[in-house]
């Protein structure tokens, strides 16, 4: 049985190398983007508070929508990193099976 799995395991090793490299790069880029998005979200929050005190409610709604978009982008990046880690883990389990 191990002889039947051998070619697939060899292909899985190459895929694991590619997916692992993509995973590391995604973690680095995701970490940097989370810092940048956190700063942008903080500035949007301060701008939203200022516009709320001014009573400009349509602009408050736009600022809130932009903050929700930033949060969704951050969440999507984290989910993408977890998916790539799951694929890497599945390939690792297949190789050791």
N, C-alpha and C. Protein backbone atom coordinates (compact mmCIF):
# COMPACT_ATOMS: atom_id res chain seq x y z
N UNK A 1 0.82 -1.20 0.00
CA UNK A 1 0.00 0.00 0.00
C UNK A 1 0.87 1.27 0.00
N UNK A 2 2.00 1.20 0.70
CA UNK A 2 2.85 2.38 0.76
C UNK A 2 3.43 2.72 -0.60
N UNK A 3 3.56 1.69 -1.46
CA UNK A 3 4.10 1.93 -2.79
C UNK A 3 3.10 2.71 -3.66
N UNK A 4 1.80 2.50 -3.40
CA UNK A 4 0.79 3.26 -4.15
C UNK A 4 0.75 4.72 -3.71
N UNK A 5 1.02 4.97 -2.43
CA UNK A 5 0.96 6.33 -1.92
C UNK A 5 2.24 7.12 -2.20
N UNK A 6 3.31 6.44 -2.52
CA UNK A 6 4.61 7.10 -2.67
C UNK A 6 4.61 8.24 -3.70
N UNK A 7 4.08 8.03 -4.92
CA UNK A 7 4.09 9.17 -5.87
C UNK A 7 3.26 10.36 -5.38
N UNK A 8 2.14 10.06 -4.71
CA UNK A 8 1.29 11.14 -4.20
C UNK A 8 1.97 11.87 -3.05
N UNK A 9 2.73 11.13 -2.25
CA UNK A 9 3.46 11.77 -1.17
C UNK A 9 4.58 12.65 -1.70
N UNK A 10 5.21 12.24 -2.79
CA UNK A 10 6.25 13.07 -3.40
C UNK A 10 5.65 14.37 -3.94
N UNK A 11 4.49 14.26 -4.55
CA UNK A 11 3.80 15.46 -5.04
C UNK A 11 3.36 16.32 -3.86
N UNK A 12 2.92 15.66 -2.78
CA UNK A 12 2.47 16.40 -1.59
C UNK A 12 3.63 17.16 -0.95
N UNK A 13 4.83 16.62 -1.02
CA UNK A 13 5.99 17.32 -0.45
C UNK A 13 6.25 18.62 -1.21
N UNK A 14 6.15 18.55 -2.53
CA UNK A 14 6.34 19.76 -3.33
C UNK A 14 5.22 20.77 -3.05
N UNK A 15 3.99 20.28 -2.98
CA UNK A 15 2.87 21.16 -2.67
C UNK A 15 3.01 21.76 -1.27
N UNK A 16 3.53 20.96 -0.34
CA UNK A 16 3.72 21.45 1.01
C UNK A 16 4.77 22.56 1.05
N UNK A 17 5.79 22.44 0.24
CA UNK A 17 6.80 23.49 0.15
C UNK A 17 6.18 24.79 -0.39
N UNK A 18 5.38 24.66 -1.43
CA UNK A 18 4.74 25.84 -2.02
C UNK A 18 3.74 26.46 -1.04
N UNK A 19 2.89 25.62 -0.45
CA UNK A 19 1.87 26.13 0.46
C UNK A 19 2.51 26.70 1.73
N UNK A 20 3.58 26.08 2.20
CA UNK A 20 4.28 26.61 3.37
C UNK A 20 4.90 27.96 3.10
N UNK A 21 5.48 28.13 1.92
CA UNK A 21 6.05 29.42 1.56
C UNK A 21 4.97 30.49 1.45
N UNK A 22 3.87 30.14 0.82
CA UNK A 22 2.75 31.08 0.72
C UNK A 22 2.21 31.41 2.11
N UNK A 23 2.14 30.41 2.98
CA UNK A 23 1.65 30.63 4.34
C UNK A 23 2.53 31.58 5.13
N UNK A 24 3.85 31.42 5.03
CA UNK A 24 4.75 32.32 5.75
C UNK A 24 4.65 33.73 5.21
N UNK A 25 4.60 33.86 3.89
CA UNK A 25 4.47 35.19 3.30
C UNK A 25 3.14 35.84 3.69
N UNK A 26 2.06 35.05 3.71
CA UNK A 26 0.76 35.59 4.12
C UNK A 26 0.77 36.04 5.57
N UNK A 27 1.45 35.29 6.44
CA UNK A 27 1.51 35.68 7.85
C UNK A 27 2.26 37.00 8.01
N UNK A 28 3.34 37.16 7.27
CA UNK A 28 4.10 38.41 7.36
C UNK A 28 3.27 39.59 6.85
N UNK A 29 2.69 39.42 5.67
CA UNK A 29 1.89 40.49 5.07
C UNK A 29 0.64 40.77 5.91
N UNK A 30 0.05 39.73 6.45
CA UNK A 30 -1.13 39.91 7.28
C UNK A 30 -0.80 40.67 8.56
N UNK A 31 0.32 40.36 9.17
CA UNK A 31 0.73 41.08 10.37
C UNK A 31 0.96 42.55 10.11
N UNK A 32 1.63 42.85 9.00
CA UNK A 32 1.88 44.25 8.66
C UNK A 32 0.57 44.96 8.33
N UNK A 33 -0.31 44.28 7.60
CA UNK A 33 -1.57 44.93 7.23
C UNK A 33 -2.48 45.12 8.44
N UNK A 34 -2.40 44.21 9.43
CA UNK A 34 -3.21 44.40 10.63
C UNK A 34 -2.76 45.65 11.40
N UNK A 35 -1.46 45.90 11.43
CA UNK A 35 -0.97 47.11 12.09
C UNK A 35 -1.46 48.35 11.35
N UNK A 36 -1.33 48.33 10.03
CA UNK A 36 -1.77 49.48 9.23
C UNK A 36 -3.28 49.68 9.33
N UNK A 37 -4.04 48.58 9.24
CA UNK A 37 -5.50 48.72 9.34
C UNK A 37 -5.92 49.16 10.73
N UNK A 38 -5.20 48.74 11.75
CA UNK A 38 -5.51 49.21 13.10
C UNK A 38 -5.34 50.70 13.24
N UNK A 39 -4.27 51.23 12.65
CA UNK A 39 -4.05 52.68 12.69
C UNK A 39 -5.15 53.41 11.90
N UNK A 40 -5.48 52.88 10.74
CA UNK A 40 -6.54 53.50 9.92
C UNK A 40 -7.88 53.45 10.66
N UNK A 41 -8.17 52.32 11.30
CA UNK A 41 -9.44 52.21 12.03
C UNK A 41 -9.48 53.17 13.21
N UNK A 42 -8.34 53.36 13.87
CA UNK A 42 -8.29 54.32 14.97
C UNK A 42 -8.56 55.73 14.47
N UNK A 43 -7.93 56.08 13.36
CA UNK A 43 -8.17 57.41 12.80
C UNK A 43 -9.61 57.58 12.34
N UNK A 44 -10.19 56.53 11.77
CA UNK A 44 -11.60 56.60 11.38
C UNK A 44 -12.51 56.75 12.60
N UNK A 45 -12.16 56.06 13.69
CA UNK A 45 -12.96 56.18 14.92
C UNK A 45 -12.91 57.60 15.45
N UNK A 46 -11.72 58.19 15.49
CA UNK A 46 -11.59 59.57 15.97
C UNK A 46 -12.37 60.52 15.06
N UNK A 47 -12.25 60.30 13.75
CA UNK A 47 -13.01 61.13 12.82
C UNK A 47 -14.51 60.95 12.98
N UNK A 48 -14.93 59.73 13.26
CA UNK A 48 -16.36 59.48 13.49
C UNK A 48 -16.87 60.16 14.74
N UNK A 49 -16.07 60.17 15.79
CA UNK A 49 -16.48 60.84 17.03
C UNK A 49 -16.57 62.35 16.80
N UNK A 50 -15.59 62.88 16.06
CA UNK A 50 -15.61 64.32 15.80
C UNK A 50 -16.84 64.70 14.95
N UNK A 51 -17.12 63.90 13.91
CA UNK A 51 -18.28 64.22 13.07
C UNK A 51 -19.59 63.99 13.82
N UNK A 52 -19.60 63.04 14.78
CA UNK A 52 -20.81 62.84 15.58
C UNK A 52 -21.07 64.05 16.47
N UNK A 53 -20.00 64.62 17.04
CA UNK A 53 -20.19 65.83 17.85
C UNK A 53 -20.62 67.03 17.01
N UNK A 54 -20.23 67.03 15.74
CA UNK A 54 -20.66 68.11 14.85
C UNK A 54 -22.09 67.91 14.37
N UNK A 55 -22.59 66.69 14.50
CA UNK A 55 -23.96 66.41 14.09
C UNK A 55 -24.11 66.12 12.61
N UNK A 56 -23.05 65.77 11.96
CA UNK A 56 -23.08 65.45 10.53
C UNK A 56 -23.32 63.95 10.37
N UNK A 57 -24.57 63.53 10.49
CA UNK A 57 -24.89 62.12 10.58
C UNK A 57 -24.66 61.33 9.29
N UNK A 58 -24.88 61.88 8.10
CA UNK A 58 -24.53 61.11 6.90
C UNK A 58 -23.03 60.78 6.81
N UNK A 59 -22.21 61.73 7.24
CA UNK A 59 -20.76 61.48 7.24
C UNK A 59 -20.38 60.45 8.30
N UNK A 60 -21.08 60.45 9.43
CA UNK A 60 -20.84 59.44 10.46
C UNK A 60 -21.15 58.06 9.90
N UNK A 61 -22.22 57.95 9.14
CA UNK A 61 -22.57 56.67 8.51
C UNK A 61 -21.52 56.22 7.52
N UNK A 62 -20.97 57.16 6.75
CA UNK A 62 -19.92 56.79 5.79
C UNK A 62 -18.65 56.35 6.51
N UNK A 63 -18.29 57.03 7.58
CA UNK A 63 -17.10 56.66 8.34
C UNK A 63 -17.29 55.28 8.97
N UNK A 64 -18.51 55.04 9.49
CA UNK A 64 -18.79 53.72 10.06
C UNK A 64 -18.70 52.64 9.00
N UNK A 65 -19.20 52.91 7.81
CA UNK A 65 -19.13 51.92 6.72
C UNK A 65 -17.68 51.65 6.33
N UNK A 66 -16.85 52.70 6.30
CA UNK A 66 -15.43 52.49 5.98
C UNK A 66 -14.74 51.67 7.07
N UNK A 67 -15.13 51.89 8.32
CA UNK A 67 -14.54 51.12 9.42
C UNK A 67 -14.96 49.65 9.34
N UNK A 68 -16.20 49.41 8.97
CA UNK A 68 -16.66 48.03 8.79
C UNK A 68 -15.91 47.36 7.64
N UNK A 69 -15.64 48.07 6.57
CA UNK A 69 -14.87 47.52 5.44
C UNK A 69 -13.45 47.19 5.87
N UNK A 70 -12.83 48.05 6.67
CA UNK A 70 -11.48 47.77 7.18
C UNK A 70 -11.48 46.53 8.06
N UNK A 71 -12.49 46.41 8.92
CA UNK A 71 -12.58 45.24 9.79
C UNK A 71 -12.80 43.97 8.96
N UNK A 72 -13.64 44.06 7.93
CA UNK A 72 -13.88 42.89 7.07
C UNK A 72 -12.61 42.48 6.33
N UNK A 73 -11.82 43.46 5.90
CA UNK A 73 -10.56 43.14 5.22
C UNK A 73 -9.59 42.46 6.18
N UNK A 74 -9.53 42.93 7.41
CA UNK A 74 -8.66 42.31 8.41
C UNK A 74 -9.11 40.88 8.72
N UNK A 75 -10.41 40.70 8.84
CA UNK A 75 -10.95 39.37 9.11
C UNK A 75 -10.72 38.42 7.94
N UNK A 76 -10.87 38.92 6.73
CA UNK A 76 -10.63 38.08 5.54
C UNK A 76 -9.17 37.65 5.46
N UNK A 77 -8.25 38.55 5.82
CA UNK A 77 -6.83 38.18 5.81
C UNK A 77 -6.54 37.11 6.85
N UNK A 78 -7.14 37.23 8.02
CA UNK A 78 -6.93 36.21 9.06
C UNK A 78 -7.52 34.87 8.65
N UNK A 79 -8.68 34.88 8.03
CA UNK A 79 -9.30 33.64 7.57
C UNK A 79 -8.46 33.00 6.48
N UNK A 80 -7.91 33.80 5.58
CA UNK A 80 -7.06 33.27 4.51
C UNK A 80 -5.81 32.61 5.08
N UNK A 81 -5.21 33.20 6.09
CA UNK A 81 -4.04 32.60 6.73
C UNK A 81 -4.42 31.27 7.37
N UNK A 82 -5.57 31.21 8.03
CA UNK A 82 -6.00 29.96 8.67
C UNK A 82 -6.30 28.87 7.64
N UNK A 83 -6.87 29.24 6.51
CA UNK A 83 -7.16 28.26 5.45
C UNK A 83 -5.86 27.67 4.90
N UNK A 84 -4.87 28.54 4.66
CA UNK A 84 -3.59 28.05 4.14
C UNK A 84 -2.91 27.17 5.18
N UNK A 85 -3.00 27.53 6.47
CA UNK A 85 -2.43 26.67 7.51
C UNK A 85 -3.15 25.33 7.58
N UNK A 86 -4.46 25.32 7.35
CA UNK A 86 -5.20 24.07 7.34
C UNK A 86 -4.80 23.17 6.18
N UNK A 87 -4.58 23.77 5.02
CA UNK A 87 -4.13 22.99 3.86
C UNK A 87 -2.75 22.40 4.13
N UNK A 88 -1.87 23.21 4.73
CA UNK A 88 -0.53 22.74 5.06
C UNK A 88 -0.60 21.59 6.06
N UNK A 89 -1.47 21.71 7.07
CA UNK A 89 -1.64 20.65 8.06
C UNK A 89 -2.19 19.37 7.44
N UNK A 90 -3.13 19.52 6.50
CA UNK A 90 -3.67 18.34 5.82
C UNK A 90 -2.62 17.62 4.99
N UNK A 91 -1.78 18.39 4.30
CA UNK A 91 -0.69 17.77 3.53
C UNK A 91 0.31 17.09 4.45
N UNK A 92 0.58 17.70 5.60
CA UNK A 92 1.51 17.10 6.56
C UNK A 92 0.97 15.79 7.10
N UNK A 93 -0.32 15.76 7.41
CA UNK A 93 -0.95 14.52 7.89
C UNK A 93 -0.91 13.43 6.81
N UNK A 94 -1.11 13.82 5.56
CA UNK A 94 -1.06 12.84 4.48
C UNK A 94 0.34 12.26 4.32
N UNK A 95 1.35 13.08 4.44
CA UNK A 95 2.71 12.60 4.29
C UNK A 95 3.07 11.62 5.40
N UNK A 96 2.63 11.89 6.63
CA UNK A 96 2.96 11.01 7.75
C UNK A 96 2.02 9.83 7.89
N UNK A 97 1.03 9.72 7.03
CA UNK A 97 0.11 8.57 7.13
C UNK A 97 0.68 7.33 6.50
